[in-house]
Amino acid sequence: MQYLQAAPASASWQVPIKEMQVRFIQQRVPEPLAFEVAAAATSLAALDLAEVAENSQQPLDTVASAYFAIGDALGLARLRAQVSALPSDSYWQALAKAASSDDLASLQRQLTADALQAGGLEPWQKSQEIPLDRARRMLSELADAKNADLAMLSVALRELRNLA
């Protein structure tokens, strides 16, 4: 899980990982193992990072840093949690939920690749200032929603596509 070390220590998505790690440590689980288990849910990101690193010919730590910074700047962990919280009572709801989750992962990969191609996060943010502000406002409104539904999340994903 070396890719997690490239993530900013202040990244908001790390809070639940650290909280879970503390609970494991309190139950006398060795600290390294507690971290590995608590962070296991992030292991899918490793595949995204490897894909972007290979395609961009950038070092993994550079890719991971950009990937997590973009995710944190846009609040993608919160959006991912909202997608996960969608009901999946029917076959079609489950498919829509899975498709939204896949779209979000694809968008984060694409945004990371775009940022790396632009020369890093700062140049990319400057080149995307207007759509980035619009996306941030929409995602902030969505974060305040008590029960986000598929329609709301679909619109948010569409807004993120405008950045890619």
C-alpha atoms as a PDB file:
ATOM      1  CA  MET A   1       0.000   0.000   0.000  1.00  0.00           C
ATOM      2  CA  GLN A   2       2.909   2.308  -0.748  1.00  0.00           C
ATOM      3  CA  TYR A   3       0.634   4.436  -2.932  1.00  0.00           C
ATOM      4  CA  LEU A   4      -1.170   5.648   0.195  1.00  0.00           C
ATOM      5  CA  GLN A   5       2.051   7.202   1.448  1.00  0.00           C
ATOM      6  CA  ALA A   6       1.973   9.593  -1.519  1.00  0.00           C
ATOM      7  CA  ALA A   7      -1.425  10.897  -0.446  1.00  0.00           C
ATOM      8  CA  PRO A   8      -1.477  14.169   1.480  1.00  0.00           C
ATOM      9  CA  ALA A   9      -1.654  13.469   5.221  1.00  0.00           C
ATOM     10  CA  SER A  10      -4.545  15.910   5.504  1.00  0.00           C
ATOM     11  CA  ALA A  11      -6.685  14.122   2.909  1.00  0.00           C
ATOM     12  CA  SER A  12     -10.244  13.903   4.204  1.00  0.00           C
ATOM     13  CA  TRP A  13     -10.789  10.358   2.892  1.00  0.00           C
ATOM     14  CA  GLN A  14      -8.113   9.141   5.326  1.00  0.00           C
ATOM     15  CA  VAL A  15     -10.188  10.012   8.410  1.00  0.00           C
ATOM     16  CA  PRO A  16     -12.282   6.804   8.423  1.00  0.00           C
ATOM     17  CA  ILE A  17      -9.160   4.732   7.758  1.00  0.00           C
ATOM     18  CA  LYS A  18      -7.358   6.295  10.716  1.00  0.00           C
ATOM     19  CA  GLU A  19     -10.411   5.886  12.952  1.00  0.00           C
ATOM     20  CA  MET A  20     -10.687   2.202  12.059  1.00  0.00           C
ATOM     21  CA  GLN A  21      -6.947   1.738  12.546  1.00  0.00           C
ATOM     22  CA  VAL A  22      -7.215   3.223  16.058  1.00  0.00           C
ATOM     23  CA  ARG A  23     -10.062   0.829  16.920  1.00  0.00           C
ATOM     24  CA  PHE A  24      -7.967  -2.126  15.752  1.00  0.00           C
ATOM     25  CA  ILE A  25      -4.930  -0.938  17.720  1.00  0.00           C
ATOM     26  CA  GLN A  26      -7.115  -0.595  20.830  1.00  0.00           C
ATOM     27  CA  GLN A  27      -7.963  -4.274  20.333  1.00  0.00           C
ATOM     28  CA  ARG A  28      -4.217  -5.026  20.354  1.00  0.00           C
ATOM     29  CA  VAL A  29      -3.792  -5.502  16.631  1.00  0.00           C
ATOM     30  CA  PRO A  30      -0.229  -4.528  15.640  1.00  0.00           C
ATOM     31  CA  GLU A  31      -0.156  -1.046  14.092  1.00  0.00           C
ATOM     32  CA  PRO A  32       1.074  -2.055  10.598  1.00  0.00           C
ATOM     33  CA  LEU A  33      -1.562  -4.793  10.314  1.00  0.00           C
ATOM     34  CA  ALA A  34      -4.260  -2.457  11.670  1.00  0.00           C
ATOM     35  CA  PHE A  35      -3.422   0.025   8.925  1.00  0.00           C
ATOM     36  CA  GLU A  36      -3.400  -2.637   6.191  1.00  0.00           C
ATOM     37  CA  VAL A  37      -6.826  -3.930   7.195  1.00  0.00           C
ATOM     38  CA  ALA A  38      -8.308  -0.457   7.691  1.00  0.00           C
ATOM     39  CA  ALA A  39      -7.020   0.708   4.301  1.00  0.00           C
ATOM     40  CA  ALA A  40      -7.994  -2.443   2.399  1.00  0.00           C
ATOM     41  CA  ALA A  41     -10.991  -0.697   0.821  1.00  0.00           C
ATOM     42  CA  THR A  42      -8.612   1.644  -0.990  1.00  0.00           C
ATOM     43  CA  SER A  43      -6.838  -1.213  -2.730  1.00  0.00           C
ATOM     44  CA  LEU A  44      -9.037  -0.805  -5.815  1.00  0.00           C
ATOM     45  CA  ALA A  45      -7.393   2.587  -6.281  1.00  0.00           C
ATOM     46  CA  ALA A  46      -4.080   0.770  -6.776  1.00  0.00           C
ATOM     47  CA  LEU A  47      -5.325  -0.570 -10.105  1.00  0.00           C
ATOM     48  CA  ASP A  48      -6.339   2.928 -11.213  1.00  0.00           C
ATOM     49  CA  LEU A  49      -2.981   4.313 -10.146  1.00  0.00           C
ATOM     50  CA  ALA A  50      -1.076   1.588 -11.978  1.00  0.00           C
ATOM     51  CA  GLU A  51      -3.074   2.221 -15.149  1.00  0.00           C
ATOM     52  CA  VAL A  52      -2.463   5.973 -15.077  1.00  0.00           C
ATOM     53  CA  ALA A  53       1.217   5.509 -14.194  1.00  0.00           C
ATOM     54  CA  GLU A  54       1.729   3.118 -17.099  1.00  0.00           C
ATOM     55  CA  ASN A  55      -0.165   5.239 -19.625  1.00  0.00           C
ATOM     56  CA  SER A  56       1.462   8.506 -18.554  1.00  0.00           C
ATOM     57  CA  GLN A  57       4.937   7.037 -17.985  1.00  0.00           C
ATOM     58  CA  GLN A  58       4.986   8.814 -14.597  1.00  0.00           C
ATOM     59  CA  PRO A  59       6.272   7.371 -11.298  1.00  0.00           C
ATOM     60  CA  LEU A  60       3.629   5.788  -9.092  1.00  0.00           C
ATOM     61  CA  ASP A  61       4.168   8.247  -6.240  1.00  0.00           C
ATOM     62  CA  THR A  62       3.653  11.211  -8.600  1.00  0.00           C
ATOM     63  CA  VAL A  63       0.460   9.666  -9.944  1.00  0.00           C
ATOM     64  CA  ALA A  64      -0.782   8.791  -6.457  1.00  0.00           C
ATOM     65  CA  SER A  65      -0.129  12.291  -5.208  1.00  0.00           C
ATOM     66  CA  ALA A  66      -2.127  13.825  -8.072  1.00  0.00           C
ATOM     67  CA  TYR A  67      -4.896  11.200  -7.814  1.00  0.00           C
ATOM     68  CA  PHE A  68      -5.476  11.735  -4.106  1.00  0.00           C
ATOM     69  CA  ALA A  69      -5.101  15.519  -4.330  1.00  0.00           C
ATOM     70  CA  ILE A  70      -7.773  15.674  -7.036  1.00  0.00           C
ATOM     71  CA  GLY A  71     -10.015  13.372  -5.034  1.00  0.00           C
ATOM     72  CA  ASP A  72      -9.583  15.500  -1.940  1.00  0.00           C
ATOM     73  CA  ALA A  73      -9.989  18.823  -3.758  1.00  0.00           C
ATOM     74  CA  LEU A  74     -13.285  17.701  -5.279  1.00  0.00           C
ATOM     75  CA  GLY A  75     -14.569  15.665  -2.338  1.00  0.00           C
ATOM     76  CA  LEU A  76     -14.710  12.477  -4.386  1.00  0.00           C
ATOM     77  CA  ALA A  77     -14.535  10.230  -1.304  1.00  0.00           C
ATOM     78  CA  ARG A  78     -17.770  11.785  -0.076  1.00  0.00           C
ATOM     79  CA  LEU A  79     -19.319  11.385  -3.540  1.00  0.00           C
ATOM     80  CA  ARG A  80     -18.163   7.760  -3.600  1.00  0.00           C
ATOM     81  CA  ALA A  81     -19.829   7.207  -0.201  1.00  0.00           C
ATOM     82  CA  GLN A  82     -23.049   8.748  -1.514  1.00  0.00           C
ATOM     83  CA  VAL A  83     -22.982   6.394  -4.494  1.00  0.00           C
ATOM     84  CA  SER A  84     -22.391   3.456  -2.145  1.00  0.00           C
ATOM     85  CA  ALA A  85     -25.368   4.540  -0.039  1.00  0.00           C
ATOM     86  CA  LEU A  86     -27.756   4.372  -2.990  1.00  0.00           C
ATOM     87  CA  PRO A  87     -30.422   1.702  -2.638  1.00  0.00           C
ATOM     88  CA  SER A  88     -29.976  -1.431  -4.688  1.00  0.00           C
ATOM     89  CA  ASP A  89     -33.272  -3.148  -4.006  1.00  0.00           C
ATOM     90  CA  SER A  90     -33.816  -4.106  -7.624  1.00  0.00           C
ATOM     91  CA  TYR A  91     -31.637  -5.425 -10.378  1.00  0.00           C
ATOM     92  CA  TRP A  92     -31.753  -2.107 -12.247  1.00  0.00           C
ATOM     93  CA  GLN A  93     -30.915  -0.089  -9.153  1.00  0.00           C
ATOM     94  CA  ALA A  94     -27.915  -2.320  -8.531  1.00  0.00           C
ATOM     95  CA  LEU A  95     -26.773  -1.867 -12.134  1.00  0.00           C
ATOM     96  CA  ALA A  96     -27.188   1.915 -11.926  1.00  0.00           C
ATOM     97  CA  LYS A  97     -25.260   2.009  -8.661  1.00  0.00           C
ATOM     98  CA  ALA A  98     -22.414  -0.081 -10.102  1.00  0.00           C
ATOM     99  CA  ALA A  99     -22.335   2.046 -13.265  1.00  0.00           C
ATOM    100  CA  SER A 100     -22.145   5.251 -11.213  1.00  0.00           C
ATOM    101  CA  SER A 101     -19.317   3.822  -9.138  1.00  0.00           C
ATOM    102  CA  ASP A 102     -17.434   2.765 -12.270  1.00  0.00           C
ATOM    103  CA  ASP A 103     -18.017   6.196 -13.853  1.00  0.00           C
ATOM    104  CA  LEU A 104     -16.620   7.926 -10.793  1.00  0.00           C
ATOM    105  CA  ALA A 105     -13.497   5.749 -10.784  1.00  0.00           C
ATOM    106  CA  SER A 106     -13.007   6.364 -14.500  1.00  0.00           C
ATOM    107  CA  LEU A 107     -13.424  10.102 -14.045  1.00  0.00           C
ATOM    108  CA  GLN A 108     -10.867  10.231 -11.254  1.00  0.00           C
ATOM    109  CA  ARG A 109      -8.405   8.311 -13.443  1.00  0.00           C
ATOM    110  CA  GLN A 110      -9.039  10.656 -16.368  1.00  0.00           C
ATOM    111  CA  LEU A 111      -8.759  13.804 -14.263  1.00  0.00           C
ATOM    112  CA  THR A 112      -5.478  12.521 -12.832  1.00  0.00           C
ATOM    113  CA  ALA A 113      -4.111  11.781 -16.296  1.00  0.00           C
ATOM    114  CA  ASP A 114      -5.218  15.223 -17.498  1.00  0.00           C
ATOM    115  CA  ALA A 115      -3.522  16.927 -14.540  1.00  0.00           C
ATOM    116  CA  LEU A 116      -0.281  15.042 -15.164  1.00  0.00           C
ATOM    117  CA  GLN A 117      -0.399  15.880 -18.866  1.00  0.00           C
ATOM    118  CA  ALA A 118      -0.935  19.563 -17.996  1.00  0.00           C
ATOM    119  CA  GLY A 119       2.272  19.528 -15.959  1.00  0.00           C
ATOM    120  CA  GLY A 120       0.790  18.932 -12.522  1.00  0.00           C
ATOM    121  CA  LEU A 121      -2.147  19.803 -10.353  1.00  0.00           C
ATOM    122  CA  GLU A 122      -1.637  23.581 -10.248  1.00  0.00           C
ATOM    123  CA  PRO A 123      -1.386  24.129 -14.015  1.00  0.00           C
ATOM    124  CA  TRP A 124      -4.379  21.835 -14.543  1.00  0.00           C
ATOM    125  CA  GLN A 125      -6.449  23.698 -11.934  1.00  0.00           C
ATOM    126  CA  LYS A 126      -5.606  27.018 -13.582  1.00  0.00           C
ATOM    127  CA  SER A 127      -6.582  25.723 -17.012  1.00  0.00           C
ATOM    128  CA  GLN A 128      -9.857  24.343 -15.632  1.00  0.00           C
ATOM    129  CA  GLU A 129     -10.691  27.200 -13.263  1.00  0.00           C
ATOM    130  CA  ILE A 130     -14.276  27.935 -14.394  1.00  0.00           C
ATOM    131  CA  PRO A 131     -15.515  24.332 -14.800  1.00  0.00           C
ATOM    132  CA  LEU A 132     -13.654  23.377 -11.615  1.00  0.00           C
ATOM    133  CA  ASP A 133     -15.401  26.093  -9.612  1.00  0.00           C
ATOM    134  CA  ARG A 134     -18.759  25.022 -11.026  1.00  0.00           C
ATOM    135  CA  ALA A 135     -18.090  21.374 -10.164  1.00  0.00           C
ATOM    136  CA  ARG A 136     -16.959  22.270  -6.643  1.00  0.00           C
ATOM    137  CA  ARG A 137     -20.125  24.294  -6.018  1.00  0.00           C
ATOM    138  CA  MET A 138     -22.325  21.470  -7.251  1.00  0.00           C
ATOM    139  CA  LEU A 139     -20.462  18.851  -5.230  1.00  0.00           C
ATOM    140  CA  SER A 140     -20.675  21.064  -2.152  1.00  0.00           C
ATOM    141  CA  GLU A 141     -24.449  21.354  -2.581  1.00  0.00           C
ATOM    142  CA  LEU A 142     -24.671  17.609  -3.044  1.00  0.00           C
ATOM    143  CA  ALA A 143     -22.624  17.041   0.119  1.00  0.00           C
ATOM    144  CA  ASP A 144     -25.245  19.018   2.060  1.00  0.00           C
ATOM    145  CA  ALA A 145     -28.066  16.831   0.742  1.00  0.00           C
ATOM    146  CA  LYS A 146     -29.350  14.419   3.377  1.00  0.00           C
ATOM    147  CA  ASN A 147     -30.369  11.685   0.948  1.00  0.00           C
ATOM    148  CA  ALA A 148     -28.741  12.025  -2.425  1.00  0.00           C
ATOM    149  CA  ASP A 149     -30.549  10.053  -5.094  1.00  0.00           C
ATOM    150  CA  LEU A 150     -29.453   8.633  -8.426  1.00  0.00           C
ATOM    151  CA  ALA A 151     -30.651  11.697 -10.350  1.00  0.00           C
ATOM    152  CA  MET A 152     -28.575  14.042  -8.198  1.00  0.00           C
ATOM    153  CA  LEU A 153     -25.494  11.840  -8.434  1.00  0.00           C
ATOM    154  CA  SER A 154     -25.898  11.436 -12.204  1.00  0.00           C
ATOM    155  CA  VAL A 155     -25.890  15.208 -12.640  1.00  0.00           C
ATOM    156  CA  ALA A 156     -22.797  15.505 -10.431  1.00  0.00           C
ATOM    157  CA  LEU A 157     -20.985  12.865 -12.487  1.00  0.00           C
ATOM    158  CA  ARG A 158     -21.969  14.722 -15.646  1.00  0.00           C
ATOM    159  CA  GLU A 159     -20.489  17.917 -14.213  1.00  0.00           C
ATOM    160  CA  LEU A 160     -17.239  16.070 -13.453  1.00  0.00           C
ATOM    161  CA  ARG A 161     -17.172  14.816 -17.057  1.00  0.00           C
ATOM    162  CA  ASN A 162     -17.000  18.466 -18.134  1.00  0.00           C
ATOM    163  CA  LEU A 163     -13.596  18.625 -16.440  1.00  0.00           C
ATOM    164  CA  ALA A 164     -12.216  15.578 -18.238  1.00  0.00           C
END
